[in-house]
Protein backbone atom coordinates (compact mmCIF):
# COMPACT_ATOMS: atom_id res chain seq x y z
CA UNK A 1 -7.56 -87.06 94.26
CA UNK A 2 -4.01 -85.96 94.34
CA UNK A 3 -3.27 -87.25 90.88
CA UNK A 4 -6.44 -85.84 89.75
CA UNK A 5 -5.74 -82.09 90.42
CA UNK A 6 -2.14 -82.01 88.60
CA UNK A 7 -3.91 -83.69 85.26
CA UNK A 8 -6.49 -81.28 85.46
CA UNK A 9 -4.41 -78.42 85.53
CA UNK A 10 -2.14 -79.89 83.19
CA UNK A 11 -5.17 -80.33 80.75
CA UNK A 12 -6.10 -76.76 81.52
CA UNK A 13 -2.69 -75.23 80.37
CA UNK A 14 -2.44 -77.25 77.37
CA UNK A 15 -6.03 -76.22 76.29
CA UNK A 16 -5.27 -72.57 77.12
CA UNK A 17 -2.36 -72.54 74.86
CA UNK A 18 -4.16 -74.44 72.16
CA UNK A 19 -7.09 -71.52 72.14
CA UNK A 20 -4.28 -68.65 72.19
CA UNK A 21 -2.59 -70.21 69.22
CA UNK A 22 -5.86 -70.58 67.29
CA UNK A 23 -6.98 -67.41 68.49
CA UNK A 24 -3.92 -65.90 67.07
CA UNK A 25 -3.96 -67.85 63.79
CA UNK A 26 -7.67 -66.64 63.23
CA UNK A 27 -6.70 -63.03 64.10
CA UNK A 28 -4.11 -62.67 61.64
CA UNK A 29 -5.25 -64.23 58.56
CA UNK A 30 -5.59 -61.02 56.47
CA UNK A 31 -9.30 -62.29 54.94
CA UNK A 32 -10.29 -62.24 58.40
CA UNK A 33 -9.51 -58.76 58.96
CA UNK A 34 -10.48 -57.45 55.49
CA UNK A 35 -13.72 -59.66 54.91
CA UNK A 36 -15.99 -58.05 57.27
CA UNK A 37 -19.02 -57.74 55.36
CA UNK A 38 -21.66 -60.63 55.93
CA UNK A 39 -23.48 -61.86 52.83
CA UNK A 40 -25.74 -64.74 52.05
CA UNK A 41 -24.25 -67.33 49.27
CA UNK A 42 -25.46 -70.17 47.34
CA UNK A 43 -23.56 -73.28 46.96
CA UNK A 44 -22.98 -74.09 43.81
CA UNK A 45 -20.97 -77.09 43.62
CA UNK A 46 -17.49 -78.72 45.17
CA UNK A 47 -14.12 -79.23 44.17
CA UNK A 48 -11.91 -82.40 44.86
CA UNK A 49 -8.85 -82.54 45.84
CA UNK A 50 -6.75 -85.64 46.01
CA UNK A 51 -3.45 -85.47 47.76
CA UNK A 52 -2.19 -89.31 47.87
CA UNK A 53 1.06 -89.62 49.58
CA UNK A 54 2.48 -92.95 51.80
CA UNK A 55 0.87 -92.19 54.69
CA UNK A 56 -2.82 -91.23 53.58
CA UNK A 57 -3.38 -92.98 50.17
CA UNK A 58 -6.75 -91.86 50.08
CA UNK A 59 -6.61 -88.21 51.39
CA UNK A 60 -8.93 -85.90 49.79
CA UNK A 61 -9.72 -82.31 50.33
CA UNK A 62 -12.55 -80.70 49.30
CA UNK A 63 -13.47 -76.99 48.96
CA UNK A 64 -16.64 -75.68 47.75
CA UNK A 65 -18.05 -73.21 45.06
CA UNK A 66 -20.64 -70.39 45.74
CA UNK A 67 -22.11 -67.52 44.07
CA UNK A 68 -23.16 -64.44 45.98
CA UNK A 69 -24.77 -61.04 45.25
CA UNK A 70 -23.27 -57.88 46.30
CA UNK A 71 -24.68 -54.06 45.67
CA UNK A 72 -26.52 -55.89 42.45
CA UNK A 73 -23.42 -57.93 41.07
CA UNK A 74 -22.99 -61.67 41.10
CA UNK A 75 -19.69 -63.04 42.25
CA UNK A 76 -18.58 -66.45 42.61
CA UNK A 77 -16.23 -67.94 45.27
CA UNK A 78 -14.29 -70.65 46.47
CA UNK A 79 -13.75 -71.59 50.26
CA UNK A 80 -12.65 -74.18 52.42
CA UNK A 81 -14.58 -75.74 55.11
CA UNK A 82 -17.53 -76.61 52.66
CA UNK A 83 -17.73 -80.51 52.38
CA UNK A 84 -20.35 -82.58 50.51
CA UNK A 85 -20.91 -84.20 53.79
CA UNK A 86 -22.17 -81.30 55.80
CA UNK A 87 -23.49 -79.28 52.72
CA UNK A 88 -25.65 -79.36 49.79
CA UNK A 89 -25.92 -77.80 45.98
CA UNK A 90 -28.28 -74.95 46.56
CA UNK A 91 -27.77 -74.68 50.24
CA UNK A 92 -27.97 -71.17 51.43
CA UNK A 93 -24.76 -70.22 53.76
CA UNK A 94 -23.27 -67.24 55.36
CA UNK A 95 -19.73 -65.85 54.04
CA UNK A 96 -17.45 -62.53 54.42
CA UNK A 97 -16.63 -60.66 51.88
CA UNK A 98 -14.27 -57.29 51.58
CA UNK A 99 -16.65 -54.49 50.89
CA UNK A 100 -13.85 -52.45 49.38
CA UNK A 101 -13.58 -55.41 47.04
CA UNK A 102 -16.35 -57.84 46.87
CA UNK A 103 -14.89 -60.26 44.67
CA UNK A 104 -12.59 -61.40 47.76
CA UNK A 105 -14.55 -63.81 50.08
CA UNK A 106 -13.90 -65.75 53.14
CA UNK A 107 -15.49 -68.99 54.45
CA UNK A 108 -13.13 -69.17 57.20
CA UNK A 109 -14.55 -66.55 59.55
CA UNK A 110 -17.59 -68.54 60.27
CA UNK A 111 -15.35 -71.24 60.76
CA UNK A 112 -13.30 -69.16 63.17
CA UNK A 113 -16.35 -68.09 64.83
CA UNK A 114 -17.46 -71.95 65.85
CA UNK A 115 -14.00 -72.92 66.71
CA UNK A 116 -13.63 -69.73 69.40
CA UNK A 117 -17.07 -70.66 70.66
CA UNK A 118 -16.22 -74.26 71.07
CA UNK A 119 -12.64 -73.45 72.49
CA UNK A 120 -14.08 -71.26 74.92
CA UNK A 121 -16.50 -73.56 76.46
CA UNK A 122 -14.15 -76.17 77.02
CA UNK A 123 -11.97 -73.81 78.49
CA UNK A 124 -14.72 -73.09 80.76
CA UNK A 125 -15.35 -76.90 81.57
CA UNK A 126 -11.54 -77.13 82.31
CA UNK A 127 -10.93 -73.50 83.93
CA UNK A 128 -13.76 -73.70 86.45
CA UNK A 129 -13.06 -76.71 87.88
CA UNK A 130 -9.58 -75.84 88.21
CA UNK A 131 -10.13 -72.60 90.24
CA UNK A 132 -12.77 -74.57 92.39
CA UNK A 133 -9.96 -77.47 93.22
CA UNK A 134 -7.20 -74.70 93.92
CA UNK A 135 -9.51 -72.67 96.24
CA UNK A 136 -10.43 -75.93 98.10
CA UNK A 137 -6.69 -76.78 98.42
CA UNK A 138 -5.93 -73.49 99.59
CA UNK A 139 -8.89 -73.42 102.23
CA UNK A 140 -8.09 -76.44 103.64
CA UNK A 141 -4.26 -75.74 104.08
């Protein structure tokens, strides 16, 4: 029990730091600030980018191509986080666009929402035991 408390506290602190860093990166992304209008897009294809290097000779990065309509005008875009393993051509997805410049789109906002939600859940899972253990230790002393 004496070893578990510091380990849980350490993991909680690390997780909190990761949460703050990810939150700041997402908040400071200019596209997340300007792309505020949610629209439905349809995946039209995928782009494969190979980045061979000595450490990762088979590293491949994917981005998804999509089309969407805003105010009767059709636009095309490309975004990260849309990979063939998770999405299919023709599938509908939610993206965010800049209402002042509808050609500017972001797929990162949906990813950011998912990441933030998962990090908050992990924070709760680690912080609740830390709080309970701390209160328990304080009450027993």
